[in-house]
Amino acid sequence: MELARWQEAPIPAFGAGAVVVGIEGERAQLGCPCTLKLWEATGPRTVTLENVTFPEGKAKGP
């Protein structure tokens, strides 16, 4: 299962921003709903989202 993410730039501390996450592969392989954990590559910030599902579709990111 491939996980893809698109983000314009790092989200500043105490700021707001968007992160788009998608999967490549069969959605059934995930056993959704899933728990999705995102973290900073070079810092301590994390966010955990529960009950995440991925809609079916062929959309591609930027």
PDB file of N, CA and C in Angstrom:
ATOM      1  N   MET A   1       0.847  -1.166   0.000  1.00  0.00           N
ATOM      2  CA  MET A   1       0.000   0.000   0.000  1.00  0.00           C
ATOM      3  C   MET A   1       0.894   1.232   0.000  1.00  0.00           C
ATOM      4  N   GLU A   2       0.689   2.119  -0.938  1.00  0.00           N
ATOM      5  CA  GLU A   2       1.437   3.372  -1.006  1.00  0.00           C
ATOM      6  C   GLU A   2       0.623   4.481  -0.371  1.00  0.00           C
ATOM      7  N   LEU A   3       1.253   5.276   0.470  1.00  0.00           N
ATOM      8  CA  LEU A   3       0.615   6.437   1.070  1.00  0.00           C
ATOM      9  C   LEU A   3       1.246   7.665   0.451  1.00  0.00           C
ATOM     10  N   ALA A   4       0.427   8.535  -0.078  1.00  0.00           N
ATOM     11  CA  ALA A   4       0.922   9.751  -0.718  1.00  0.00           C
ATOM     12  C   ALA A   4       0.401  10.962   0.048  1.00  0.00           C
ATOM     13  N   ARG A   5       1.202  12.001   0.122  1.00  0.00           N
ATOM     14  CA  ARG A   5       0.746  13.215   0.774  1.00  0.00           C
ATOM     15  C   ARG A   5       1.231  14.415  -0.038  1.00  0.00           C
ATOM     16  N   TRP A   6       0.428  15.455  -0.003  1.00  0.00           N
ATOM     17  CA  TRP A   6       0.756  16.686  -0.718  1.00  0.00           C
ATOM     18  C   TRP A   6       0.578  17.834   0.244  1.00  0.00           C
ATOM     19  N   GLN A   7       1.586  18.673   0.297  1.00  0.00           N
ATOM     20  CA  GLN A   7       1.543  19.830   1.179  1.00  0.00           C
ATOM     21  C   GLN A   7       2.378  20.921   0.527  1.00  0.00           C
ATOM     22  N   GLU A   8       1.831  22.118   0.462  1.00  0.00           N
ATOM     23  CA  GLU A   8       2.531  23.231  -0.184  1.00  0.00           C
ATOM     24  C   GLU A   8       3.807  23.618   0.554  1.00  0.00           C
ATOM     25  N   ALA A   9       3.728  23.710   1.882  1.00  0.00           N
ATOM     26  CA  ALA A   9       4.870  24.143   2.694  1.00  0.00           C
ATOM     27  C   ALA A   9       4.638  23.670   4.122  1.00  0.00           C
ATOM     28  N   PRO A  10       5.664  23.710   4.959  1.00  0.00           N
ATOM     29  CA  PRO A  10       5.449  23.344   6.360  1.00  0.00           C
ATOM     30  C   PRO A  10       4.392  24.237   7.002  1.00  0.00           C
ATOM     31  N   ILE A  11       3.611  23.672   7.891  1.00  0.00           N
ATOM     32  CA  ILE A  11       2.594  24.453   8.609  1.00  0.00           C
ATOM     33  C   ILE A  11       3.273  25.085   9.816  1.00  0.00           C
ATOM     34  N   PRO A  12       3.197  26.423   9.942  1.00  0.00           N
ATOM     35  CA  PRO A  12       3.889  27.085  11.051  1.00  0.00           C
ATOM     36  C   PRO A  12       3.269  26.716  12.400  1.00  0.00           C
ATOM     37  N   ALA A  13       4.078  26.763  13.453  1.00  0.00           N
ATOM     38  CA  ALA A  13       3.570  26.512  14.802  1.00  0.00           C
ATOM     39  C   ALA A  13       2.413  27.461  15.087  1.00  0.00           C
ATOM     40  N   PHE A  14       1.356  26.940  15.654  1.00  0.00           N
ATOM     41  CA  PHE A  14       0.133  27.682  15.973  1.00  0.00           C
ATOM     42  C   PHE A  14      -0.570  28.218  14.742  1.00  0.00           C
ATOM     43  N   GLY A  15      -0.191  27.742  13.552  1.00  0.00           N
ATOM     44  CA  GLY A  15      -0.814  28.166  12.313  1.00  0.00           C
ATOM     45  C   GLY A  15      -1.791  27.117  11.820  1.00  0.00           C
ATOM     46  N   ALA A  16      -2.369  27.377  10.702  1.00  0.00           N
ATOM     47  CA  ALA A  16      -3.303  26.449  10.078  1.00  0.00           C
ATOM     48  C   ALA A  16      -2.787  26.116   8.688  1.00  0.00           C
ATOM     49  N   GLY A  17      -3.131  24.959   8.214  1.00  0.00           N
ATOM     50  CA  GLY A  17      -2.714  24.554   6.884  1.00  0.00           C
ATOM     51  C   GLY A  17      -3.459  23.307   6.473  1.00  0.00           C
ATOM     52  N   ALA A  18      -3.218  22.869   5.281  1.00  0.00           N
ATOM     53  CA  ALA A  18      -3.893  21.682   4.762  1.00  0.00           C
ATOM     54  C   ALA A  18      -2.862  20.640   4.351  1.00  0.00           C
ATOM     55  N   VAL A  19      -3.186  19.394   4.614  1.00  0.00           N
ATOM     56  CA  VAL A  19      -2.401  18.260   4.160  1.00  0.00           C
ATOM     57  C   VAL A  19      -3.383  17.306   3.498  1.00  0.00           C
ATOM     58  N   VAL A  20      -3.108  16.931   2.269  1.00  0.00           N
ATOM     59  CA  VAL A  20      -3.956  15.988   1.546  1.00  0.00           C
ATOM     60  C   VAL A  20      -3.255  14.641   1.557  1.00  0.00           C
ATOM     61  N   VAL A  21      -3.974  13.601   1.998  1.00  0.00           N
ATOM     62  CA  VAL A  21      -3.405  12.259   2.095  1.00  0.00           C
ATOM     63  C   VAL A  21      -4.231  11.334   1.222  1.00  0.00           C
ATOM     64  N   GLY A  22      -3.562  10.512   0.440  1.00  0.00           N
ATOM     65  CA  GLY A  22      -4.257   9.552  -0.408  1.00  0.00           C
ATOM     66  C   GLY A  22      -3.524   8.224  -0.385  1.00  0.00           C
ATOM     67  N   ILE A  23      -4.164   7.210  -0.893  1.00  0.00           N
ATOM     68  CA  ILE A  23      -3.556   5.889  -0.955  1.00  0.00           C
ATOM     69  C   ILE A  23      -3.554   5.405  -2.393  1.00  0.00           C
ATOM     70  N   GLU A  24      -2.599   4.554  -2.698  1.00  0.00           N
ATOM     71  CA  GLU A  24      -2.576   3.882  -3.982  1.00  0.00           C
ATOM     72  C   GLU A  24      -2.604   2.399  -3.700  1.00  0.00           C
ATOM     73  N   GLY A  25      -3.561   1.719  -4.253  1.00  0.00           N
ATOM     74  CA  GLY A  25      -3.741   0.301  -3.987  1.00  0.00           C
ATOM     75  C   GLY A  25      -5.199   0.029  -3.700  1.00  0.00           C
ATOM     76  N   GLU A  26      -5.484  -1.163  -3.316  1.00  0.00           N
ATOM     77  CA  GLU A  26      -6.860  -1.549  -3.025  1.00  0.00           C
ATOM     78  C   GLU A  26      -7.275  -1.038  -1.655  1.00  0.00           C
ATOM     79  N   ARG A  27      -8.341  -0.274  -1.631  1.00  0.00           N
ATOM     80  CA  ARG A  27      -8.840   0.279  -0.382  1.00  0.00           C
ATOM     81  C   ARG A  27      -9.178  -0.821   0.615  1.00  0.00           C
ATOM     82  N   ALA A  28      -9.624  -1.970   0.128  1.00  0.00           N
ATOM     83  CA  ALA A  28     -10.002  -3.081   0.986  1.00  0.00           C
ATOM     84  C   ALA A  28      -8.810  -3.605   1.795  1.00  0.00           C
ATOM     85  N   GLN A  29      -7.592  -3.391   1.317  1.00  0.00           N
ATOM     86  CA  GLN A  29      -6.398  -3.844   2.033  1.00  0.00           C
ATOM     87  C   GLN A  29      -6.209  -3.113   3.359  1.00  0.00           C
ATOM     88  N   LEU A  30      -6.790  -1.943   3.501  1.00  0.00           N
ATOM     89  CA  LEU A  30      -6.588  -1.143   4.699  1.00  0.00           C
ATOM     90  C   LEU A  30      -7.419  -1.612   5.887  1.00  0.00           C
ATOM     91  N   GLY A  31      -8.576  -2.166   5.637  1.00  0.00           N
ATOM     92  CA  GLY A  31      -9.461  -2.508   6.741  1.00  0.00           C
ATOM     93  C   GLY A  31      -9.996  -1.261   7.417  1.00  0.00           C
ATOM     94  N   CYS A  32     -10.449  -0.294   6.647  1.00  0.00           N
ATOM     95  CA  CYS A  32     -10.954   0.976   7.181  1.00  0.00           C
ATOM     96  C   CYS A  32     -12.218   0.744   7.993  1.00  0.00           C
ATOM     97  N   PRO A  33     -12.509   1.572   8.968  1.00  0.00           N
ATOM     98  CA  PRO A  33     -11.833   2.835   9.248  1.00  0.00           C
ATOM     99  C   PRO A  33     -10.441   2.608   9.831  1.00  0.00           C
ATOM    100  N   CYS A  34      -9.562   3.591   9.569  1.00  0.00           N
ATOM    101  CA  CYS A  34      -8.153   3.490   9.955  1.00  0.00           C
ATOM    102  C   CYS A  34      -7.806   4.573  10.980  1.00  0.00           C
ATOM    103  N   THR A  35      -6.657   4.406  11.592  1.00  0.00           N
ATOM    104  CA  THR A  35      -6.060   5.464  12.409  1.00  0.00           C
ATOM    105  C   THR A  35      -4.895   6.022  11.614  1.00  0.00           C
ATOM    106  N   LEU A  36      -4.886   7.328  11.436  1.00  0.00           N
ATOM    107  CA  LEU A  36      -3.853   8.000  10.649  1.00  0.00           C
ATOM    108  C   LEU A  36      -3.046   8.890  11.584  1.00  0.00           C
ATOM    109  N   LYS A  37      -1.743   8.667  11.645  1.00  0.00           N
ATOM    110  CA  LYS A  37      -0.864   9.481  12.490  1.00  0.00           C
ATOM    111  C   LYS A  37       0.084  10.245  11.585  1.00  0.00           C
ATOM    112  N   LEU A  38       0.100  11.561  11.734  1.00  0.00           N
ATOM    113  CA  LEU A  38       0.983  12.439  10.974  1.00  0.00           C
ATOM    114  C   LEU A  38       1.953  13.091  11.942  1.00  0.00           C
ATOM    115  N   TRP A  39       3.220  13.236  11.519  1.00  0.00           N
ATOM    116  CA  TRP A  39       4.201  13.861  12.397  1.00  0.00           C
ATOM    117  C   TRP A  39       5.149  14.700  11.579  1.00  0.00           C
ATOM    118  N   GLU A  40       5.794  15.601  12.269  1.00  0.00           N
ATOM    119  CA  GLU A  40       6.774  16.495  11.677  1.00  0.00           C
ATOM    120  C   GLU A  40       8.070  15.751  11.404  1.00  0.00           C
ATOM    121  N   ALA A  41       8.656  15.983  10.262  1.00  0.00           N
ATOM    122  CA  ALA A  41       9.910  15.309   9.922  1.00  0.00           C
ATOM    123  C   ALA A  41      11.046  15.740  10.846  1.00  0.00           C
ATOM    124  N   THR A  42      11.051  16.992  11.256  1.00  0.00           N
ATOM    125  CA  THR A  42      12.170  17.496  12.060  1.00  0.00           C
ATOM    126  C   THR A  42      11.725  18.109  13.375  1.00  0.00           C
ATOM    127  N   GLY A  43      10.563  17.717  13.872  1.00  0.00           N
ATOM    128  CA  GLY A  43      10.093  18.337  15.107  1.00  0.00           C
ATOM    129  C   GLY A  43       9.182  17.437  15.912  1.00  0.00           C
ATOM    130  N   PRO A  44       8.696  17.941  17.029  1.00  0.00           N
ATOM    131  CA  PRO A  44       7.937  17.119  17.962  1.00  0.00           C
ATOM    132  C   PRO A  44       6.427  17.064  17.715  1.00  0.00           C
ATOM    133  N   ARG A  45       5.900  17.829  16.774  1.00  0.00           N
ATOM    134  CA  ARG A  45       4.442  17.889  16.622  1.00  0.00           C
ATOM    135  C   ARG A  45       3.891  16.639  15.948  1.00  0.00           C
ATOM    136  N   THR A  46       2.793  16.116  16.491  1.00  0.00           N
ATOM    137  CA  THR A  46       2.077  14.992  15.892  1.00  0.00           C
ATOM    138  C   THR A  46       0.581  15.246  15.982  1.00  0.00           C
ATOM    139  N   VAL A  47      -0.148  14.591  15.111  1.00  0.00           N
ATOM    140  CA  VAL A  47      -1.603  14.593  15.179  1.00  0.00           C
ATOM    141  C   VAL A  47      -2.063  13.181  14.823  1.00  0.00           C
ATOM    142  N   THR A  48      -3.016  12.653  15.582  1.00  0.00           N
ATOM    143  CA  THR A  48      -3.561  11.331  15.333  1.00  0.00           C
ATOM    144  C   THR A  48      -5.045  11.470  15.059  1.00  0.00           C
ATOM    145  N   LEU A  49      -5.475  10.947  13.929  1.00  0.00           N
ATOM    146  CA  LEU A  49      -6.880  10.991  13.523  1.00  0.00           C
ATOM    147  C   LEU A  49      -7.415   9.575  13.505  1.00  0.00           C
ATOM    148  N   GLU A  50      -8.547   9.364  14.149  1.00  0.00           N
ATOM    149  CA  GLU A  50      -9.149   8.036  14.186  1.00  0.00           C
ATOM    150  C   GLU A  50     -10.378   7.994  13.288  1.00  0.00           C
ATOM    151  N   ASN A  51     -10.786   6.789  12.939  1.00  0.00           N
ATOM    152  CA  ASN A  51     -11.965   6.556  12.096  1.00  0.00           C
ATOM    153  C   ASN A  51     -11.850   7.219  10.729  1.00  0.00           C
ATOM    154  N   VAL A  52     -10.658   7.160  10.139  1.00  0.00           N
ATOM    155  CA  VAL A  52     -10.407   7.740   8.817  1.00  0.00           C
ATOM    156  C   VAL A  52     -10.812   6.726   7.754  1.00  0.00           C
ATOM    157  N   THR A  53     -11.523   7.183   6.750  1.00  0.00           N
ATOM    158  CA  THR A  53     -11.831   6.356   5.590  1.00  0.00           C
ATOM    159  C   THR A  53     -11.361   7.093   4.340  1.00  0.00           C
ATOM    160  N   PHE A  54     -11.084   6.331   3.302  1.00  0.00           N
ATOM    161  CA  PHE A  54     -10.629   6.891   2.041  1.00  0.00           C
ATOM    162  C   PHE A  54     -11.684   6.616   0.989  1.00  0.00           C
ATOM    163  N   PRO A  55     -12.258   7.653   0.389  1.00  0.00           N
ATOM    164  CA  PRO A  55     -13.283   7.436  -0.637  1.00  0.00           C
ATOM    165  C   PRO A  55     -12.663   6.821  -1.883  1.00  0.00           C
ATOM    166  N   GLU A  56     -13.472   6.110  -2.612  1.00  0.00           N
ATOM    167  CA  GLU A  56     -12.997   5.517  -3.863  1.00  0.00           C
ATOM    168  C   GLU A  56     -12.930   6.621  -4.901  1.00  0.00           C
ATOM    169  N   GLY A  57     -11.986   6.521  -5.788  1.00  0.00           N
ATOM    170  CA  GLY A  57     -11.860   7.504  -6.847  1.00  0.00           C
ATOM    171  C   GLY A  57     -10.515   7.390  -7.526  1.00  0.00           C
ATOM    172  N   LYS A  58     -10.358   8.142  -8.580  1.00  0.00           N
ATOM    173  CA  LYS A  58      -9.128   8.128  -9.358  1.00  0.00           C
ATOM    174  C   LYS A  58      -8.436   9.473  -9.325  1.00  0.00           C
ATOM    175  N   ALA A  59      -8.751  10.324  -8.351  1.00  0.00           N
ATOM    176  CA  ALA A  59      -8.169  11.670  -8.292  1.00  0.00           C
ATOM    177  C   ALA A  59      -6.681  11.590  -8.014  1.00  0.00           C
ATOM    178  N   LYS A  60      -5.931  12.502  -8.579  1.00  0.00           N
ATOM    179  CA  LYS A  60      -4.497  12.618  -8.364  1.00  0.00           C
ATOM    180  C   LYS A  60      -4.206  13.952  -7.715  1.00  0.00           C
ATOM    181  N   GLY A  61      -3.177  14.001  -6.898  1.00  0.00           N
ATOM    182  CA  GLY A  61      -2.782  15.231  -6.222  1.00  0.00           C
ATOM    183  C   GLY A  61      -2.035  16.159  -7.161  1.00  0.00           C
ATOM    184  N   PRO A  62      -1.677  17.337  -6.644  1.00  0.00           N
ATOM    185  CA  PRO A  62      -0.966  18.319  -7.490  1.00  0.00           C
ATOM    186  C   PRO A  62       0.392  17.846  -7.927  1.00  0.00           C
TER     187      PRO A  62
END
